Amino acid sequence: SGMRQTTLTEQRRPLIKSACDKLTSTVAKWIAKSCRPINIVEDEGFTEVLRVATGDSSIKAPQRRTIMTKIHELYEAEKKKKENDLAATKHQALTGDHWTSVSNDNYLGVTAHLITDEWKLKSFTLTCMKTEERHFAEACAQQFQTVASNWAIEDKTTTIGIDSARNMIAAARLL
């Protein structure tokens, strides 16, 4: 009846704009979530994979600038969701930890914990920031206050969970 299966050597129609946009968003999510280098979109092998996967031999990989813009949009959308979650609750708990990397850089990670109106526990990272000052109690307390202020939860934080390091215990007392 004239119907036959498409072979690999045949070229299909070019992708429509909405399919290209979805592909660009998916590539951006993959790069961000998997910590891939942005320049992977400039690799000829990546372009070939896209061509085979889409069946469109004319497709080009998204530009680096486009991917960066998409990643920033994804970040802002996720941040807005977290801000809405925090704004919707009256109380939150924070946990924090200071550590030193193998290359001797200092970091602070702070996680928020809250219970939604549906009694679901939500936890997510507020920051993982490089710190320059030493981990004295006053500096640790100030860093926690800064994080809480940046997320507008300084009056909603009821509990701070820490490890048993002396500086963190002293910082918690200060707070």
N, C-alpha and C. Protein backbone atom coordinates (compact mmCIF):
# COMPACT_ATOMS: atom_id res chain seq x y z
N SER A 1 0.83 -1.21 0.00
CA SER A 1 0.00 0.00 0.00
C SER A 1 0.86 1.26 0.00
N GLY A 2 2.15 1.12 -0.27
CA GLY A 2 3.02 2.29 -0.33
C GLY A 2 3.62 2.69 1.00
N MET A 3 3.23 2.04 2.10
CA MET A 3 3.79 2.38 3.42
C MET A 3 5.06 1.56 3.63
N ARG A 4 6.10 2.22 4.10
CA ARG A 4 7.33 1.50 4.39
C ARG A 4 8.03 2.18 5.56
N GLN A 5 8.92 1.47 6.16
CA GLN A 5 9.65 1.98 7.31
C GLN A 5 10.79 2.88 6.86
N THR A 6 10.99 3.98 7.62
CA THR A 6 12.10 4.89 7.33
C THR A 6 13.41 4.20 7.68
N THR A 7 14.41 4.37 6.84
CA THR A 7 15.72 3.79 7.13
C THR A 7 16.63 4.87 7.71
N LEU A 8 17.77 4.44 8.25
CA LEU A 8 18.70 5.37 8.87
C LEU A 8 19.30 6.35 7.87
N THR A 9 19.36 5.96 6.61
CA THR A 9 19.99 6.84 5.62
C THR A 9 19.02 7.90 5.10
N GLU A 10 17.73 7.74 5.35
CA GLU A 10 16.76 8.72 4.89
C GLU A 10 16.72 9.90 5.85
N GLN A 11 16.46 11.06 5.29
CA GLN A 11 16.39 12.27 6.12
C GLN A 11 14.93 12.61 6.39
N ARG A 12 14.63 12.84 7.67
CA ARG A 12 13.29 13.27 8.02
C ARG A 12 13.22 14.79 7.96
N ARG A 13 12.00 15.31 8.13
CA ARG A 13 11.83 16.76 8.14
C ARG A 13 12.58 17.39 9.30
N PRO A 14 13.05 18.63 9.11
CA PRO A 14 13.70 19.32 10.22
C PRO A 14 12.74 19.49 11.40
N LEU A 15 13.30 19.54 12.59
CA LEU A 15 12.49 19.70 13.80
C LEU A 15 11.80 21.06 13.82
N ILE A 16 10.59 21.07 14.34
CA ILE A 16 9.89 22.35 14.50
C ILE A 16 10.46 23.09 15.70
N LYS A 17 10.17 24.39 15.79
CA LYS A 17 10.76 25.23 16.83
C LYS A 17 10.48 24.71 18.23
N SER A 18 9.27 24.27 18.51
CA SER A 18 8.95 23.80 19.87
C SER A 18 9.77 22.57 20.24
N ALA A 19 10.02 21.69 19.27
CA ALA A 19 10.84 20.51 19.54
C ALA A 19 12.30 20.92 19.77
N CYS A 20 12.79 21.91 19.01
CA CYS A 20 14.16 22.41 19.21
C CYS A 20 14.29 23.07 20.59
N ASP A 21 13.27 23.83 20.99
CA ASP A 21 13.30 24.48 22.31
C ASP A 21 13.31 23.44 23.42
N LYS A 22 12.51 22.39 23.26
CA LYS A 22 12.47 21.32 24.26
C LYS A 22 13.82 20.61 24.32
N LEU A 23 14.43 20.38 23.16
CA LEU A 23 15.74 19.74 23.11
C LEU A 23 16.78 20.62 23.81
N THR A 24 16.74 21.92 23.58
CA THR A 24 17.68 22.85 24.22
C THR A 24 17.50 22.84 25.73
N SER A 25 16.27 22.86 26.20
CA SER A 25 16.01 22.80 27.64
C SER A 25 16.50 21.50 28.25
N THR A 26 16.30 20.41 27.55
CA THR A 26 16.73 19.11 28.04
C THR A 26 18.25 19.03 28.11
N VAL A 27 18.93 19.56 27.11
CA VAL A 27 20.40 19.59 27.12
C VAL A 27 20.89 20.43 28.28
N ALA A 28 20.26 21.60 28.51
CA ALA A 28 20.66 22.48 29.62
C ALA A 28 20.48 21.77 30.95
N LYS A 29 19.35 21.09 31.15
CA LYS A 29 19.12 20.35 32.40
C LYS A 29 20.17 19.26 32.58
N TRP A 30 20.48 18.54 31.52
CA TRP A 30 21.47 17.47 31.58
C TRP A 30 22.83 18.04 31.98
N ILE A 31 23.23 19.13 31.34
CA ILE A 31 24.53 19.73 31.65
C ILE A 31 24.57 20.19 33.10
N ALA A 32 23.50 20.86 33.56
CA ALA A 32 23.48 21.39 34.93
C ALA A 32 23.44 20.27 35.97
N LYS A 33 22.57 19.31 35.78
CA LYS A 33 22.41 18.24 36.78
C LYS A 33 23.60 17.29 36.82
N SER A 34 24.25 17.09 35.69
CA SER A 34 25.35 16.14 35.62
C SER A 34 26.72 16.81 35.72
N CYS A 35 26.70 18.14 35.95
CA CYS A 35 27.96 18.90 36.07
C CYS A 35 28.86 18.71 34.86
N ARG A 36 28.27 18.71 33.69
CA ARG A 36 29.05 18.61 32.45
C ARG A 36 29.59 19.98 32.08
N PRO A 37 30.70 20.02 31.37
CA PRO A 37 31.22 21.31 30.93
C PRO A 37 30.32 21.91 29.84
N ILE A 38 30.16 23.21 29.87
CA ILE A 38 29.30 23.89 28.90
C ILE A 38 29.80 23.66 27.48
N ASN A 39 31.11 23.58 27.29
CA ASN A 39 31.64 23.46 25.94
C ASN A 39 31.34 22.10 25.29
N ILE A 40 30.64 21.22 25.99
CA ILE A 40 30.28 19.93 25.39
C ILE A 40 29.39 20.14 24.17
N VAL A 41 28.64 21.26 24.14
CA VAL A 41 27.76 21.52 23.00
C VAL A 41 28.55 21.87 21.74
N GLU A 42 29.83 22.17 21.90
CA GLU A 42 30.67 22.50 20.75
C GLU A 42 31.38 21.26 20.19
N ASP A 43 31.20 20.12 20.80
CA ASP A 43 31.84 18.89 20.37
C ASP A 43 31.12 18.32 19.15
N GLU A 44 31.90 17.94 18.14
CA GLU A 44 31.30 17.39 16.91
C GLU A 44 30.54 16.10 17.19
N GLY A 45 31.05 15.30 18.11
CA GLY A 45 30.37 14.05 18.46
C GLY A 45 29.00 14.29 19.07
N PHE A 46 28.88 15.35 19.87
CA PHE A 46 27.59 15.69 20.47
C PHE A 46 26.59 16.08 19.39
N THR A 47 27.04 16.88 18.43
CA THR A 47 26.16 17.27 17.32
C THR A 47 25.72 16.04 16.54
N GLU A 48 26.63 15.10 16.34
CA GLU A 48 26.28 13.88 15.61
C GLU A 48 25.24 13.06 16.38
N VAL A 49 25.38 12.99 17.70
CA VAL A 49 24.39 12.28 18.52
C VAL A 49 23.02 12.93 18.36
N LEU A 50 22.97 14.26 18.39
CA LEU A 50 21.70 14.97 18.21
C LEU A 50 21.09 14.66 16.84
N ARG A 51 21.92 14.63 15.82
CA ARG A 51 21.43 14.36 14.46
C ARG A 51 20.85 12.96 14.34
N VAL A 52 21.53 11.98 14.92
CA VAL A 52 21.03 10.61 14.86
C VAL A 52 19.77 10.48 15.70
N ALA A 53 19.77 11.06 16.90
CA ALA A 53 18.62 10.93 17.80
C ALA A 53 17.36 11.60 17.24
N THR A 54 17.53 12.73 16.58
CA THR A 54 16.37 13.46 16.06
C THR A 54 16.01 13.07 14.64
N GLY A 55 16.95 12.45 13.92
CA GLY A 55 16.70 12.12 12.52
C GLY A 55 16.79 13.33 11.62
N ASP A 56 17.31 14.42 12.14
CA ASP A 56 17.43 15.67 11.38
C ASP A 56 18.92 15.93 11.15
N SER A 57 19.37 15.69 9.92
CA SER A 57 20.80 15.83 9.64
C SER A 57 21.25 17.28 9.54
N SER A 58 20.30 18.21 9.58
CA SER A 58 20.66 19.63 9.50
C SER A 58 20.72 20.29 10.87
N ILE A 59 20.36 19.54 11.91
CA ILE A 59 20.29 20.16 13.25
C ILE A 59 21.68 20.54 13.74
N LYS A 60 21.72 21.64 14.46
CA LYS A 60 22.96 22.08 15.07
C LYS A 60 22.75 22.09 16.57
N ALA A 61 23.81 21.82 17.30
CA ALA A 61 23.73 21.85 18.77
C ALA A 61 23.49 23.28 19.22
N PRO A 62 22.78 23.46 20.34
CA PRO A 62 22.56 24.81 20.86
C PRO A 62 23.89 25.48 21.17
N GLN A 63 23.92 26.79 21.05
CA GLN A 63 25.14 27.53 21.35
C GLN A 63 25.38 27.58 22.85
N ARG A 64 26.62 27.73 23.22
CA ARG A 64 27.03 27.81 24.62
C ARG A 64 26.26 28.90 25.35
N ARG A 65 26.13 30.06 24.74
CA ARG A 65 25.43 31.20 25.35
C ARG A 65 23.96 30.86 25.62
N THR A 66 23.35 30.14 24.68
CA THR A 66 21.94 29.74 24.83
C THR A 66 21.79 28.79 26.01
N ILE A 67 22.71 27.84 26.13
CA ILE A 67 22.67 26.88 27.24
C ILE A 67 22.86 27.60 28.57
N MET A 68 23.80 28.53 28.63
CA MET A 68 24.03 29.29 29.87
C MET A 68 22.77 30.06 30.26
N THR A 69 22.13 30.69 29.30
CA THR A 69 20.89 31.42 29.57
C THR A 69 19.83 30.48 30.12
N LYS A 70 19.67 29.31 29.50
CA LYS A 70 18.69 28.32 29.97
C LYS A 70 19.00 27.85 31.38
N ILE A 71 20.27 27.60 31.68
CA ILE A 71 20.65 27.14 33.01
C ILE A 71 20.32 28.21 34.05
N HIS A 72 20.57 29.47 33.72
CA HIS A 72 20.23 30.56 34.65
C HIS A 72 18.72 30.66 34.83
N GLU A 73 17.95 30.45 33.78
CA GLU A 73 16.48 30.46 33.89
C GLU A 73 16.01 29.31 34.78
N LEU A 74 16.60 28.13 34.60
CA LEU A 74 16.24 26.98 35.42
C LEU A 74 16.57 27.24 36.89
N TYR A 75 17.72 27.84 37.13
CA TYR A 75 18.12 28.17 38.50
C TYR A 75 17.12 29.13 39.14
N GLU A 76 16.78 30.19 38.42
CA GLU A 76 15.85 31.18 38.97
C GLU A 76 14.48 30.57 39.25
N ALA A 77 14.02 29.67 38.38
CA ALA A 77 12.72 29.02 38.59
C ALA A 77 12.77 28.13 39.84
N GLU A 78 13.86 27.38 40.02
CA GLU A 78 14.00 26.54 41.22
C GLU A 78 14.11 27.39 42.48
N LYS A 79 14.86 28.47 42.40
CA LYS A 79 15.01 29.36 43.55
C LYS A 79 13.65 29.94 43.95
N LYS A 80 12.86 30.34 42.97
CA LYS A 80 11.53 30.90 43.24
C LYS A 80 10.64 29.86 43.95
N LYS A 81 10.71 28.59 43.52
CA LYS A 81 9.95 27.53 44.18
C LYS A 81 10.34 27.41 45.65
N LYS A 82 11.65 27.46 45.91
CA LYS A 82 12.13 27.36 47.29
C LYS A 82 11.70 28.56 48.11
N GLU A 83 11.77 29.74 47.52
CA GLU A 83 11.32 30.95 48.23
C GLU A 83 9.83 30.85 48.57
N ASN A 84 9.04 30.34 47.65
CA ASN A 84 7.61 30.16 47.90
C ASN A 84 7.36 29.14 49.01
N ASP A 85 8.12 28.04 49.01
CA ASP A 85 8.00 27.04 50.08
C ASP A 85 8.32 27.66 51.44
N LEU A 86 9.39 28.45 51.49
CA LEU A 86 9.79 29.09 52.74
C LEU A 86 8.76 30.13 53.19
N ALA A 87 8.22 30.88 52.24
CA ALA A 87 7.24 31.91 52.57
C ALA A 87 5.92 31.30 53.06
N ALA A 88 5.62 30.09 52.61
CA ALA A 88 4.34 29.45 52.94
C ALA A 88 4.34 28.81 54.33
N THR A 89 5.48 28.76 55.00
CA THR A 89 5.53 28.15 56.32
C THR A 89 5.90 29.18 57.38
N LYS A 90 5.47 28.90 58.60
CA LYS A 90 5.74 29.83 59.70
C LYS A 90 7.08 29.57 60.37
N HIS A 91 7.56 28.33 60.28
CA HIS A 91 8.79 27.95 60.98
C HIS A 91 9.64 27.05 60.10
N GLN A 92 10.95 27.24 60.20
CA GLN A 92 11.90 26.38 59.52
C GLN A 92 13.04 26.04 60.46
N ALA A 93 13.67 24.93 60.18
CA ALA A 93 14.90 24.56 60.88
C ALA A 93 16.03 24.62 59.86
N LEU A 94 17.20 24.94 60.35
CA LEU A 94 18.39 24.96 59.49
C LEU A 94 19.41 23.98 60.03
N THR A 95 20.13 23.35 59.13
CA THR A 95 21.31 22.60 59.53
C THR A 95 22.48 23.17 58.75
N GLY A 96 23.63 23.14 59.38
CA GLY A 96 24.80 23.71 58.72
C GLY A 96 26.05 22.95 59.08
N ASP A 97 27.00 23.06 58.19
CA ASP A 97 28.27 22.41 58.43
C ASP A 97 29.37 23.18 57.71
N HIS A 98 30.46 23.38 58.39
CA HIS A 98 31.68 23.95 57.81
C HIS A 98 32.62 22.80 57.50
N TRP A 99 33.32 22.90 56.41
CA TRP A 99 34.35 21.92 56.12
C TRP A 99 35.44 22.55 55.28
N THR A 100 36.54 21.84 55.20
CA THR A 100 37.70 22.28 54.43
C THR A 100 37.95 21.26 53.34
N SER A 101 38.10 21.73 52.12
CA SER A 101 38.31 20.84 50.98
C SER A 101 39.75 20.32 50.96
N VAL A 102 40.01 19.39 50.07
CA VAL A 102 41.34 18.83 49.92
C VAL A 102 42.34 19.93 49.53
N SER A 103 41.85 20.92 48.77
CA SER A 103 42.74 22.02 48.36
C SER A 103 42.79 23.13 49.41
N ASN A 104 42.28 22.84 50.61
CA ASN A 104 42.34 23.74 51.76
C ASN A 104 41.45 24.98 51.63
N ASP A 105 40.36 24.86 50.89
CA ASP A 105 39.36 25.92 50.81
C ASP A 105 38.27 25.63 51.83
N ASN A 106 37.74 26.69 52.46
CA ASN A 106 36.69 26.54 53.48
C ASN A 106 35.32 26.77 52.86
N TYR A 107 34.36 25.94 53.29
CA TYR A 107 32.99 26.03 52.78
C TYR A 107 32.00 25.93 53.92
N LEU A 108 30.83 26.53 53.70
CA LEU A 108 29.69 26.39 54.59
C LEU A 108 28.50 25.92 53.77
N GLY A 109 27.88 24.86 54.22
CA GLY A 109 26.64 24.38 53.60
C GLY A 109 25.51 24.57 54.59
N VAL A 110 24.39 25.13 54.14
CA VAL A 110 23.21 25.32 54.99
C VAL A 110 22.00 24.73 54.27
N THR A 111 21.26 23.90 54.99
CA THR A 111 20.06 23.26 54.47
C THR A 111 18.86 23.69 55.28
N ALA A 112 17.74 23.96 54.61
CA ALA A 112 16.48 24.31 55.28
C ALA A 112 15.61 23.06 55.37
N HIS A 113 14.86 22.98 56.45
CA HIS A 113 13.92 21.88 56.67
C HIS A 113 12.59 22.49 57.09
N LEU A 114 11.51 22.07 56.46
CA LEU A 114 10.20 22.60 56.80
C LEU A 114 9.13 21.54 56.58
N ILE A 115 7.99 21.76 57.19
CA ILE A 115 6.84 20.86 57.02
C ILE A 115 5.75 21.66 56.35
N THR A 116 5.24 21.13 55.24
CA THR A 116 4.21 21.83 54.46
C THR A 116 2.85 21.71 55.15
N ASP A 117 1.87 22.42 54.63
CA ASP A 117 0.50 22.33 55.14
C ASP A 117 -0.06 20.91 55.00
N GLU A 118 0.48 20.15 54.05
CA GLU A 118 0.05 18.76 53.84
C GLU A 118 0.86 17.78 54.70
N TRP A 119 1.64 18.30 55.64
CA TRP A 119 2.47 17.52 56.55
C TRP A 119 3.54 16.72 55.81
N LYS A 120 4.10 17.32 54.79
CA LYS A 120 5.20 16.70 54.06
C LYS A 120 6.49 17.42 54.45
N LEU A 121 7.51 16.65 54.78
CA LEU A 121 8.81 17.22 55.10
C LEU A 121 9.53 17.59 53.82
N LYS A 122 10.02 18.81 53.77
CA LYS A 122 10.83 19.27 52.64
C LYS A 122 12.17 19.74 53.17
N SER A 123 13.21 19.34 52.50
CA SER A 123 14.56 19.79 52.84
C SER A 123 15.27 20.15 51.55
N PHE A 124 15.97 21.26 51.57
CA PHE A 124 16.74 21.67 50.39
C PHE A 124 17.86 22.60 50.81
N THR A 125 18.89 22.61 50.00
CA THR A 125 20.07 23.42 50.27
C THR A 125 19.78 24.89 50.00
N LEU A 126 20.13 25.73 50.94
CA LEU A 126 20.02 27.17 50.76
C LEU A 126 21.32 27.75 50.19
N THR A 127 22.43 27.19 50.64
CA THR A 127 23.72 27.66 50.13
C THR A 127 24.79 26.62 50.36
N CYS A 128 25.76 26.69 49.52
CA CYS A 128 27.03 26.00 49.71
C CYS A 128 28.05 27.03 49.26
N MET A 129 28.57 27.77 50.23
CA MET A 129 29.39 28.92 49.88
C MET A 129 30.81 28.79 50.39
N LYS A 130 31.70 29.33 49.60
CA LYS A 130 33.10 29.37 50.00
C LYS A 130 33.25 30.49 51.02
N THR A 131 33.97 30.21 52.10
CA THR A 131 34.18 31.22 53.13
C THR A 131 35.67 31.53 53.22
N GLU A 132 35.95 32.78 53.45
CA GLU A 132 37.35 33.21 53.52
C GLU A 132 37.85 33.29 54.96
N GLU A 133 36.98 33.71 55.88
CA GLU A 133 37.43 33.90 57.25
C GLU A 133 37.52 32.56 57.98
N ARG A 134 38.26 32.55 59.04
CA ARG A 134 38.42 31.34 59.84
C ARG A 134 37.10 31.00 60.52
N HIS A 135 36.96 29.80 60.92
CA HIS A 135 35.70 29.30 61.48
C HIS A 135 35.55 29.61 62.96
N PHE A 136 35.75 30.85 63.33
CA PHE A 136 35.49 31.25 64.71
C PHE A 136 33.98 31.36 64.91
N ALA A 137 33.53 31.24 66.16
CA ALA A 137 32.11 31.23 66.47
C ALA A 137 31.39 32.46 65.93
N GLU A 138 31.96 33.63 66.12
CA GLU A 138 31.31 34.87 65.68
C GLU A 138 31.12 34.87 64.16
N ALA A 139 32.14 34.42 63.43
CA ALA A 139 32.04 34.37 61.97
C ALA A 139 30.99 33.36 61.54
N CYS A 140 30.96 32.20 62.19
CA CYS A 140 29.97 31.17 61.86
C CYS A 140 28.55 31.68 62.11
N ALA A 141 28.35 32.34 63.24
CA ALA A 141 27.03 32.90 63.56
C ALA A 141 26.62 33.94 62.52
N GLN A 142 27.55 34.79 62.15
CA GLN A 142 27.27 35.84 61.16
C GLN A 142 26.91 35.21 59.80
N GLN A 143 27.59 34.15 59.43
CA GLN A 143 27.30 33.49 58.16
C GLN A 143 25.90 32.88 58.16
N PHE A 144 25.50 32.26 59.28
CA PHE A 144 24.15 31.72 59.39
C PHE A 144 23.12 32.85 59.28
N GLN A 145 23.38 33.96 59.97
CA GLN A 145 22.46 35.10 59.90
C GLN A 145 22.35 35.65 58.49
N THR A 146 23.46 35.70 57.79
CA THR A 146 23.45 36.19 56.41
C THR A 146 22.61 35.29 55.51
N VAL A 147 22.78 33.99 55.65
CA VAL A 147 22.01 33.05 54.84
C VAL A 147 20.52 33.20 55.16
N ALA A 148 20.17 33.25 56.43
CA ALA A 148 18.76 33.41 56.82
C ALA A 148 18.20 34.72 56.30
N SER A 149 18.97 35.77 56.36
CA SER A 149 18.53 37.07 55.86
C SER A 149 18.34 37.04 54.34
N ASN A 150 19.28 36.43 53.63
CA ASN A 150 19.17 36.34 52.17
C ASN A 150 17.91 35.62 51.72
N TRP A 151 17.45 34.68 52.52
CA TRP A 151 16.25 33.91 52.19
C TRP A 151 15.01 34.42 52.95
N ALA A 152 15.14 35.53 53.67
CA ALA A 152 14.04 36.16 54.40
C ALA A 152 13.39 35.21 55.40
N ILE A 153 14.21 34.47 56.15
CA ILE A 153 13.68 33.54 57.15
C ILE A 153 14.30 33.76 58.52
N GLU A 154 14.93 34.91 58.73
CA GLU A 154 15.61 35.12 60.01
C GLU A 154 14.64 35.09 61.19
N ASP A 155 13.38 35.49 60.98
CA ASP A 155 12.39 35.46 62.06
C ASP A 155 11.62 34.14 62.11
N LYS A 156 11.85 33.26 61.16
CA LYS A 156 11.12 31.99 61.09
C LYS A 156 11.97 30.80 61.50
N THR A 157 13.25 31.00 61.68
CA THR A 157 14.15 29.90 62.01
C THR A 157 14.03 29.58 63.50
N THR A 158 13.57 28.36 63.79
CA THR A 158 13.34 27.97 65.18
C THR A 158 14.44 27.07 65.73
N THR A 159 15.14 26.39 64.83
CA THR A 159 16.13 25.41 65.25
C THR A 159 17.32 25.45 64.31
N ILE A 160 18.50 25.27 64.88
CA ILE A 160 19.71 25.16 64.06
C ILE A 160 20.41 23.88 64.46
N GLY A 161 20.57 22.99 63.50
CA GLY A 161 21.27 21.73 63.73
C GLY A 161 22.71 21.86 63.29
N ILE A 162 23.61 21.41 64.13
CA ILE A 162 25.04 21.53 63.85
C ILE A 162 25.75 20.26 64.27
N ASP A 163 27.02 20.15 63.89
CA ASP A 163 27.81 19.04 64.40
C ASP A 163 28.34 19.44 65.79
N SER A 164 29.17 18.62 66.36
CA SER A 164 29.63 18.89 67.73
C SER A 164 30.94 19.67 67.79
N ALA A 165 31.30 20.33 66.70
CA ALA A 165 32.51 21.15 66.73
C ALA A 165 32.31 22.32 67.69
N ARG A 166 33.34 22.64 68.44
CA ARG A 166 33.23 23.69 69.46
C ARG A 166 32.80 25.03 68.87
N ASN A 167 33.37 25.38 67.71
CA ASN A 167 33.01 26.67 67.11
C ASN A 167 31.54 26.72 66.71
N MET A 168 30.99 25.60 66.24
CA MET A 168 29.58 25.57 65.85
C MET A 168 28.67 25.61 67.07
N ILE A 169 29.06 24.94 68.14
CA ILE A 169 28.29 25.00 69.38
C ILE A 169 28.27 26.43 69.91
N ALA A 170 29.42 27.09 69.88
CA ALA A 170 29.49 28.47 70.34
C ALA A 170 28.69 29.40 69.41
N ALA A 171 28.72 29.15 68.13
CA ALA A 171 27.95 29.97 67.18
C ALA A 171 26.45 29.80 67.46
N ALA A 172 26.02 28.56 67.71
CA ALA A 172 24.61 28.32 68.02
C ALA A 172 24.18 29.05 69.28
N ARG A 173 25.06 29.07 70.27
CA ARG A 173 24.74 29.80 71.50
C ARG A 173 24.59 31.30 71.20
N LEU A 174 25.45 31.83 70.36
CA LEU A 174 25.37 33.25 69.99
C LEU A 174 24.05 33.57 69.28
N LEU A 175 23.63 32.64 68.47
CA LEU A 175 22.40 32.86 67.72
C LEU A 175 21.17 32.71 68.60
